[in-house]
Amino acid sequence: MAGALIIGAGPGIGQAVAQRFAREGLPVALIARTKERVAAAAESIGSLGVQAVALAADVTDEAELRDALDTVARELGEPDIVVYNAATIRRDAIGELPHRVHLDTYAVNVLGALSAAAHTLPGMARRGGGTFVITGGMPEMKPQYVSLSLGKAGVRALVELLDAEYGPSGVHVATVTVGGVVAPGTAYDPADIAEHYWRLHTQPREQWEREVLH
């Protein structure tokens, strides 16, 4: 296997998913916005004996993200699974944020995932298989989290579109919808959430799920 690519590999779900795939012996590529964050993520799987590629890239910069994805493909091969875990999470009420901030937030929560999918899924389709999972949230829209609610609604729409386009070619597209605040030792422990990503990746085609709610 060429391995797993985690975009948004910060503490919490991103690192837990990277560790979960590394424990299966898969090489892992990690992308995060800052060098410090992605270095910490790489260090967290360093003892597991797998190859790790760590790259800093801003998902809202399409050229920068595509360059990072090309680097991953050169160093590890085209990934078997891509996990898009980048998100901007904030409390904001209706009418509170200016349009510019909403657009910046949407660029992280949805458009970065679209760019990553457009760059990686055609190759999966040509090979006849692969997995693309987006970390979702907000199983119910909340007026205290307007920008996040809009973004996570966009994630659901994107997953549906990608599934319609690439699912018939053998690409499993799904979202893991997290319904609470992620923290170790709680019902939303990142290690427990990470199990969903591995299960989705290994599901037989006749059992594919498009959304898992944790």
C-alpha atoms as a PDB file:
ATOM      1  CA  MET A   1       0.000   0.000   0.000  1.00  0.00           C
ATOM      2  CA  ALA A   2       1.144   3.550  -0.703  1.00  0.00           C
ATOM      3  CA  GLY A   3      -0.199   4.612   2.674  1.00  0.00           C
ATOM      4  CA  ALA A   4      -2.339   7.235   4.370  1.00  0.00           C
ATOM      5  CA  LEU A   5      -2.416  11.010   4.020  1.00  0.00           C
ATOM      6  CA  ILE A   6      -3.751  13.085   6.892  1.00  0.00           C
ATOM      7  CA  ILE A   7      -4.525  16.733   6.103  1.00  0.00           C
ATOM      8  CA  GLY A   8      -5.039  18.689   9.300  1.00  0.00           C
ATOM      9  CA  ALA A   9      -2.706  16.566  11.391  1.00  0.00           C
ATOM     10  CA  GLY A  10      -2.879  18.549  14.602  1.00  0.00           C
ATOM     11  CA  PRO A  11      -3.419  17.260  18.135  1.00  0.00           C
ATOM     12  CA  GLY A  12      -6.632  15.364  18.641  1.00  0.00           C
ATOM     13  CA  ILE A  13      -8.289  13.514  15.778  1.00  0.00           C
ATOM     14  CA  GLY A  14      -5.554  14.163  13.205  1.00  0.00           C
ATOM     15  CA  GLN A  15      -2.750  12.657  15.250  1.00  0.00           C
ATOM     16  CA  ALA A  16      -4.962   9.824  16.504  1.00  0.00           C
ATOM     17  CA  VAL A  17      -5.896   8.831  12.945  1.00  0.00           C
ATOM     18  CA  ALA A  18      -2.244   8.980  11.865  1.00  0.00           C
ATOM     19  CA  GLN A  19      -1.284   6.710  14.755  1.00  0.00           C
ATOM     20  CA  ARG A  20      -4.128   4.299  13.957  1.00  0.00           C
ATOM     21  CA  PHE A  21      -2.973   3.809  10.381  1.00  0.00           C
ATOM     22  CA  ALA A  22       0.678   3.665  11.379  1.00  0.00           C
ATOM     23  CA  ARG A  23      -0.111   0.815  13.786  1.00  0.00           C
ATOM     24  CA  GLU A  24      -1.298  -1.158  10.762  1.00  0.00           C
ATOM     25  CA  GLY A  25       2.128  -0.675   9.188  1.00  0.00           C
ATOM     26  CA  LEU A  26       1.075   1.920   6.622  1.00  0.00           C
ATOM     27  CA  PRO A  27       3.432   4.789   5.815  1.00  0.00           C
ATOM     28  CA  VAL A  28       1.817   8.086   6.729  1.00  0.00           C
ATOM     29  CA  ALA A  29       2.007  11.556   5.212  1.00  0.00           C
ATOM     30  CA  LEU A  30       1.009  14.466   7.414  1.00  0.00           C
ATOM     31  CA  ILE A  31       0.039  17.982   6.374  1.00  0.00           C
ATOM     32  CA  ALA A  32      -0.623  20.805   8.811  1.00  0.00           C
ATOM     33  CA  ARG A  33      -0.556  24.594   8.603  1.00  0.00           C
ATOM     34  CA  THR A  34       2.597  25.107  10.671  1.00  0.00           C
ATOM     35  CA  LYS A  35       5.935  23.312  10.757  1.00  0.00           C
ATOM     36  CA  GLU A  36       5.719  22.986  14.538  1.00  0.00           C
ATOM     37  CA  ARG A  37       2.355  21.248  14.434  1.00  0.00           C
ATOM     38  CA  VAL A  38       3.231  18.830  11.660  1.00  0.00           C
ATOM     39  CA  ALA A  39       6.584  18.021  13.299  1.00  0.00           C
ATOM     40  CA  ALA A  40       4.779  17.148  16.525  1.00  0.00           C
ATOM     41  CA  ALA A  41       2.395  14.906  14.598  1.00  0.00           C
ATOM     42  CA  ALA A  42       5.272  13.115  12.889  1.00  0.00           C
ATOM     43  CA  GLU A  43       7.036  12.634  16.215  1.00  0.00           C
ATOM     44  CA  SER A  44       3.891  11.048  17.665  1.00  0.00           C
ATOM     45  CA  ILE A  45       4.173   8.149  15.189  1.00  0.00           C
ATOM     46  CA  GLY A  46       7.950   7.993  15.050  1.00  0.00           C
ATOM     47  CA  SER A  47       8.190   5.061  17.435  1.00  0.00           C
ATOM     48  CA  LEU A  48       5.835   2.901  15.366  1.00  0.00           C
ATOM     49  CA  GLY A  49       8.459   2.032  12.774  1.00  0.00           C
ATOM     50  CA  VAL A  50       6.711   3.364   9.676  1.00  0.00           C
ATOM     51  CA  GLN A  51       7.852   5.923   7.148  1.00  0.00           C
ATOM     52  CA  ALA A  52       6.446   9.385   7.801  1.00  0.00           C
ATOM     53  CA  VAL A  53       6.465  12.461   5.579  1.00  0.00           C
ATOM     54  CA  ALA A  54       5.654  15.761   7.308  1.00  0.00           C
ATOM     55  CA  LEU A  55       4.784  18.865   5.300  1.00  0.00           C
ATOM     56  CA  ALA A  56       3.556  22.339   6.216  1.00  0.00           C
ATOM     57  CA  ALA A  57       0.874  23.770   3.928  1.00  0.00           C
ATOM     58  CA  ASP A  58      -2.068  26.143   4.210  1.00  0.00           C
ATOM     59  CA  VAL A  59      -5.179  24.389   2.907  1.00  0.00           C
ATOM     60  CA  THR A  60      -6.655  27.725   1.828  1.00  0.00           C
ATOM     61  CA  ASP A  61      -3.747  28.244  -0.580  1.00  0.00           C
ATOM     62  CA  GLU A  62      -4.664  25.957  -3.459  1.00  0.00           C
ATOM     63  CA  ALA A  63      -1.233  26.035  -5.110  1.00  0.00           C
ATOM     64  CA  GLU A  64       0.554  25.368  -1.821  1.00  0.00           C
ATOM     65  CA  LEU A  65      -1.754  22.477  -0.986  1.00  0.00           C
ATOM     66  CA  ARG A  66      -1.373  20.918  -4.439  1.00  0.00           C
ATOM     67  CA  ASP A  67       2.414  21.221  -4.201  1.00  0.00           C
ATOM     68  CA  ALA A  68       2.317  19.384  -0.875  1.00  0.00           C
ATOM     69  CA  LEU A  69       0.109  16.655  -2.364  1.00  0.00           C
ATOM     70  CA  ASP A  70       2.531  16.236  -5.260  1.00  0.00           C
ATOM     71  CA  THR A  71       5.417  15.918  -2.801  1.00  0.00           C
ATOM     72  CA  VAL A  72       3.552  13.194  -0.932  1.00  0.00           C
ATOM     73  CA  ALA A  73       2.964  11.292  -4.173  1.00  0.00           C
ATOM     74  CA  ARG A  74       6.642  11.525  -5.103  1.00  0.00           C
ATOM     75  CA  GLU A  75       7.885  10.338  -1.709  1.00  0.00           C
ATOM     76  CA  LEU A  76       5.270   7.732  -0.759  1.00  0.00           C
ATOM     77  CA  GLY A  77       3.294   7.119  -3.911  1.00  0.00           C
ATOM     78  CA  GLU A  78      -0.319   8.130  -4.422  1.00  0.00           C
ATOM     79  CA  PRO A  79      -2.164   7.531  -1.119  1.00  0.00           C
ATOM     80  CA  ASP A  80      -4.634   4.724  -0.583  1.00  0.00           C
ATOM     81  CA  ILE A  81      -6.572   6.834   1.889  1.00  0.00           C
ATOM     82  CA  VAL A  82      -6.849  10.584   2.323  1.00  0.00           C
ATOM     83  CA  VAL A  83      -8.293  12.035   5.519  1.00  0.00           C
ATOM     84  CA  TYR A  84      -9.271  15.710   5.456  1.00  0.00           C
ATOM     85  CA  ASN A  85      -9.370  16.867   9.066  1.00  0.00           C
ATOM     86  CA  ALA A  86      -8.656  20.596   8.755  1.00  0.00           C
ATOM     87  CA  ALA A  87     -11.257  22.902  10.286  1.00  0.00           C
ATOM     88  CA  THR A  88     -11.772  26.330  11.780  1.00  0.00           C
ATOM     89  CA  ILE A  89     -13.995  26.061  14.856  1.00  0.00           C
ATOM     90  CA  ARG A  90     -15.412  29.124  16.567  1.00  0.00           C
ATOM     91  CA  ARG A  91     -18.554  30.351  18.274  1.00  0.00           C
ATOM     92  CA  ASP A  92     -20.343  32.970  16.207  1.00  0.00           C
ATOM     93  CA  ALA A  93     -23.945  34.098  16.016  1.00  0.00           C
ATOM     94  CA  ILE A  94     -26.087  35.017  13.020  1.00  0.00           C
ATOM     95  CA  GLY A  95     -24.808  38.258  11.513  1.00  0.00           C
ATOM     96  CA  GLU A  96     -21.826  38.468  13.857  1.00  0.00           C
ATOM     97  CA  LEU A  97     -19.030  37.737  11.366  1.00  0.00           C
ATOM     98  CA  PRO A  98     -18.219  39.847   8.316  1.00  0.00           C
ATOM     99  CA  HIS A  99     -18.408  38.133   4.932  1.00  0.00           C
ATOM    100  CA  ARG A 100     -14.619  38.010   4.648  1.00  0.00           C
ATOM    101  CA  VAL A 101     -14.297  35.923   7.828  1.00  0.00           C
ATOM    102  CA  HIS A 102     -17.082  33.591   6.710  1.00  0.00           C
ATOM    103  CA  LEU A 103     -15.304  33.091   3.390  1.00  0.00           C
ATOM    104  CA  ASP A 104     -11.978  32.393   5.106  1.00  0.00           C
ATOM    105  CA  THR A 105     -13.645  29.849   7.393  1.00  0.00           C
ATOM    106  CA  TYR A 106     -15.448  28.145   4.511  1.00  0.00           C
ATOM    107  CA  ALA A 107     -12.152  27.937   2.630  1.00  0.00           C
ATOM    108  CA  VAL A 108     -10.703  25.806   5.447  1.00  0.00           C
ATOM    109  CA  ASN A 109     -13.772  23.754   6.266  1.00  0.00           C
ATOM    110  CA  VAL A 110     -14.923  22.921   2.730  1.00  0.00           C
ATOM    111  CA  LEU A 111     -12.847  24.308  -0.142  1.00  0.00           C
ATOM    112  CA  GLY A 112      -9.586  22.771   1.071  1.00  0.00           C
ATOM    113  CA  ALA A 113     -11.318  19.389   1.080  1.00  0.00           C
ATOM    114  CA  LEU A 114     -12.577  20.032  -2.447  1.00  0.00           C
ATOM    115  CA  SER A 115      -9.058  20.875  -3.651  1.00  0.00           C
ATOM    116  CA  ALA A 116      -7.595  17.774  -1.990  1.00  0.00           C
ATOM    117  CA  ALA A 117     -10.299  15.578  -3.489  1.00  0.00           C
ATOM    118  CA  ALA A 118      -9.924  17.019  -6.981  1.00  0.00           C
ATOM    119  CA  HIS A 119      -6.179  16.341  -6.798  1.00  0.00           C
ATOM    120  CA  THR A 120      -6.240  12.801  -5.403  1.00  0.00           C
ATOM    121  CA  LEU A 121      -9.518  11.093  -6.303  1.00  0.00           C
ATOM    122  CA  PRO A 122      -9.017  10.869 -10.085  1.00  0.00           C
ATOM    123  CA  GLY A 123      -5.915   8.754  -9.429  1.00  0.00           C
ATOM    124  CA  MET A 124      -7.847   6.510  -7.050  1.00  0.00           C
ATOM    125  CA  ALA A 125     -10.556   6.123  -9.670  1.00  0.00           C
ATOM    126  CA  ARG A 126      -7.992   5.128 -12.304  1.00  0.00           C
ATOM    127  CA  ARG A 127      -6.571   2.531  -9.919  1.00  0.00           C
ATOM    128  CA  GLY A 128     -10.057   1.266  -9.106  1.00  0.00           C
ATOM    129  CA  GLY A 129      -9.972   1.884  -5.364  1.00  0.00           C
ATOM    130  CA  GLY A 130      -9.182   4.160  -2.462  1.00  0.00           C
ATOM    131  CA  THR A 131     -10.786   5.993   0.440  1.00  0.00           C
ATOM    132  CA  PHE A 132     -11.447   9.681   1.056  1.00  0.00           C
ATOM    133  CA  VAL A 133     -12.820  10.632   4.473  1.00  0.00           C
ATOM    134  CA  ILE A 134     -13.678  14.121   5.729  1.00  0.00           C
ATOM    135  CA  THR A 135     -14.064  14.869   9.421  1.00  0.00           C
ATOM    136  CA  GLY A 136     -17.514  16.325   9.854  1.00  0.00           C
ATOM    137  CA  GLY A 137     -19.497  17.655  12.776  1.00  0.00           C
ATOM    138  CA  MET A 138     -22.661  19.479  13.734  1.00  0.00           C
ATOM    139  CA  PRO A 139     -25.169  16.630  13.373  1.00  0.00           C
ATOM    140  CA  GLU A 140     -27.670  19.396  14.181  1.00  0.00           C
ATOM    141  CA  MET A 141     -27.186  23.002  13.074  1.00  0.00           C
ATOM    142  CA  LYS A 142     -26.706  25.438  15.976  1.00  0.00           C
ATOM    143  CA  PRO A 143     -27.223  29.217  15.806  1.00  0.00           C
ATOM    144  CA  GLN A 144     -24.326  29.656  18.250  1.00  0.00           C
ATOM    145  CA  TYR A 145     -21.977  28.128  15.646  1.00  0.00           C
ATOM    146  CA  VAL A 146     -23.095  29.631  12.369  1.00  0.00           C
ATOM    147  CA  SER A 147     -19.864  29.438  10.361  1.00  0.00           C
ATOM    148  CA  LEU A 148     -19.152  25.905  11.560  1.00  0.00           C
ATOM    149  CA  SER A 149     -22.721  24.773  10.862  1.00  0.00           C
ATOM    150  CA  LEU A 150     -22.543  26.143   7.328  1.00  0.00           C
ATOM    151  CA  GLY A 151     -19.171  24.485   6.782  1.00  0.00           C
ATOM    152  CA  LYS A 152     -20.257  21.091   8.023  1.00  0.00           C
ATOM    153  CA  ALA A 153     -23.399  21.262   5.887  1.00  0.00           C
ATOM    154  CA  GLY A 154     -21.064  21.948   2.975  1.00  0.00           C
ATOM    155  CA  VAL A 155     -19.005  18.878   3.911  1.00  0.00           C
ATOM    156  CA  ARG A 156     -22.089  16.669   3.674  1.00  0.00           C
ATOM    157  CA  ALA A 157     -22.928  18.088   0.251  1.00  0.00           C
ATOM    158  CA  LEU A 158     -19.340  17.627  -0.916  1.00  0.00           C
ATOM    159  CA  VAL A 159     -19.253  13.998   0.225  1.00  0.00           C
ATOM    160  CA  GLU A 160     -22.476  13.312  -1.669  1.00  0.00           C
ATOM    161  CA  LEU A 161     -21.073  14.904  -4.835  1.00  0.00           C
ATOM    162  CA  LEU A 162     -17.749  13.066  -4.599  1.00  0.00           C
ATOM    163  CA  ASP A 163     -19.498   9.763  -3.960  1.00  0.00           C
ATOM    164  CA  ALA A 164     -21.680  10.251  -7.029  1.00  0.00           C
ATOM    165  CA  GLU A 165     -18.645  11.088  -9.177  1.00  0.00           C
ATOM    166  CA  TYR A 166     -16.051   8.596  -7.925  1.00  0.00           C
ATOM    167  CA  GLY A 167     -17.972   5.903  -6.043  1.00  0.00           C
ATOM    168  CA  PRO A 168     -18.811   3.928  -9.198  1.00  0.00           C
ATOM    169  CA  SER A 169     -15.049   3.684  -9.890  1.00  0.00           C
ATOM    170  CA  GLY A 170     -14.425   2.038  -6.526  1.00  0.00           C
ATOM    171  CA  VAL A 171     -13.555   5.079  -4.379  1.00  0.00           C
ATOM    172  CA  HIS A 172     -15.156   5.059  -0.926  1.00  0.00           C
ATOM    173  CA  VAL A 173     -16.058   8.628   0.066  1.00  0.00           C
ATOM    174  CA  ALA A 174     -17.396   9.207   3.569  1.00  0.00           C
ATOM    175  CA  THR A 175     -17.574  11.568   6.502  1.00  0.00           C
ATOM    176  CA  VAL A 176     -17.071  10.915  10.202  1.00  0.00           C
ATOM    177  CA  THR A 177     -19.467  13.279  11.968  1.00  0.00           C
ATOM    178  CA  VAL A 178     -18.304  14.085  15.491  1.00  0.00           C
ATOM    179  CA  GLY A 179     -21.144  15.236  17.703  1.00  0.00           C
ATOM    180  CA  GLY A 180     -19.260  16.757  20.632  1.00  0.00           C
ATOM    181  CA  VAL A 181     -16.069  18.283  21.965  1.00  0.00           C
ATOM    182  CA  VAL A 182     -13.075  16.018  21.349  1.00  0.00           C
ATOM    183  CA  ALA A 183     -11.011  15.240  24.444  1.00  0.00           C
ATOM    184  CA  PRO A 184      -9.136  12.182  25.750  1.00  0.00           C
ATOM    185  CA  GLY A 185     -10.962  10.140  28.351  1.00  0.00           C
ATOM    186  CA  THR A 186     -14.415  11.333  27.281  1.00  0.00           C
ATOM    187  CA  ALA A 187     -17.124   9.952  25.023  1.00  0.00           C
ATOM    188  CA  TYR A 188     -15.306  11.826  22.245  1.00  0.00           C
ATOM    189  CA  ASP A 189     -11.853  10.403  22.832  1.00  0.00           C
ATOM    190  CA  PRO A 190      -9.806  10.906  19.644  1.00  0.00           C
ATOM    191  CA  ALA A 191      -8.434   7.352  19.813  1.00  0.00           C
ATOM    192  CA  ASP A 192     -11.979   5.974  19.736  1.00  0.00           C
ATOM    193  CA  ILE A 193     -12.987   8.309  16.912  1.00  0.00           C
ATOM    194  CA  ALA A 194      -9.933   7.214  14.896  1.00  0.00           C
ATOM    195  CA  GLU A 195     -11.283   3.647  14.791  1.00  0.00           C
ATOM    196  CA  HIS A 196     -14.057   4.816  12.454  1.00  0.00           C
ATOM    197  CA  TYR A 197     -11.528   5.922   9.840  1.00  0.00           C
ATOM    198  CA  TRP A 198      -9.793   2.550   9.786  1.00  0.00           C
ATOM    199  CA  ARG A 199     -13.121   0.718   9.651  1.00  0.00           C
ATOM    200  CA  LEU A 200     -14.326   2.857   6.742  1.00  0.00           C
ATOM    201  CA  HIS A 201     -11.087   2.221   4.876  1.00  0.00           C
ATOM    202  CA  THR A 202     -11.359  -1.550   5.276  1.00  0.00           C
ATOM    203  CA  GLN A 203     -15.108  -1.934   4.683  1.00  0.00           C
ATOM    204  CA  PRO A 204     -16.136  -4.282   1.862  1.00  0.00           C
ATOM    205  CA  ARG A 205     -17.774  -2.336  -0.933  1.00  0.00           C
ATOM    206  CA  GLU A 206     -21.189  -3.869  -0.302  1.00  0.00           C
ATOM    207  CA  GLN A 207     -21.064  -2.490   3.261  1.00  0.00           C
ATOM    208  CA  TRP A 208     -19.862   1.040   2.490  1.00  0.00           C
ATOM    209  CA  GLU A 209     -21.198   3.786   4.732  1.00  0.00           C
ATOM    210  CA  ARG A 210     -21.237   7.409   3.608  1.00  0.00           C
ATOM    211  CA  GLU A 211     -21.598   8.927   7.078  1.00  0.00           C
ATOM    212  CA  VAL A 212     -20.646   7.660  10.512  1.00  0.00           C
ATOM    213  CA  LEU A 213     -21.892   9.524  13.577  1.00  0.00           C
ATOM    214  CA  HIS A 214     -19.768   9.447  16.711  1.00  0.00           C
END
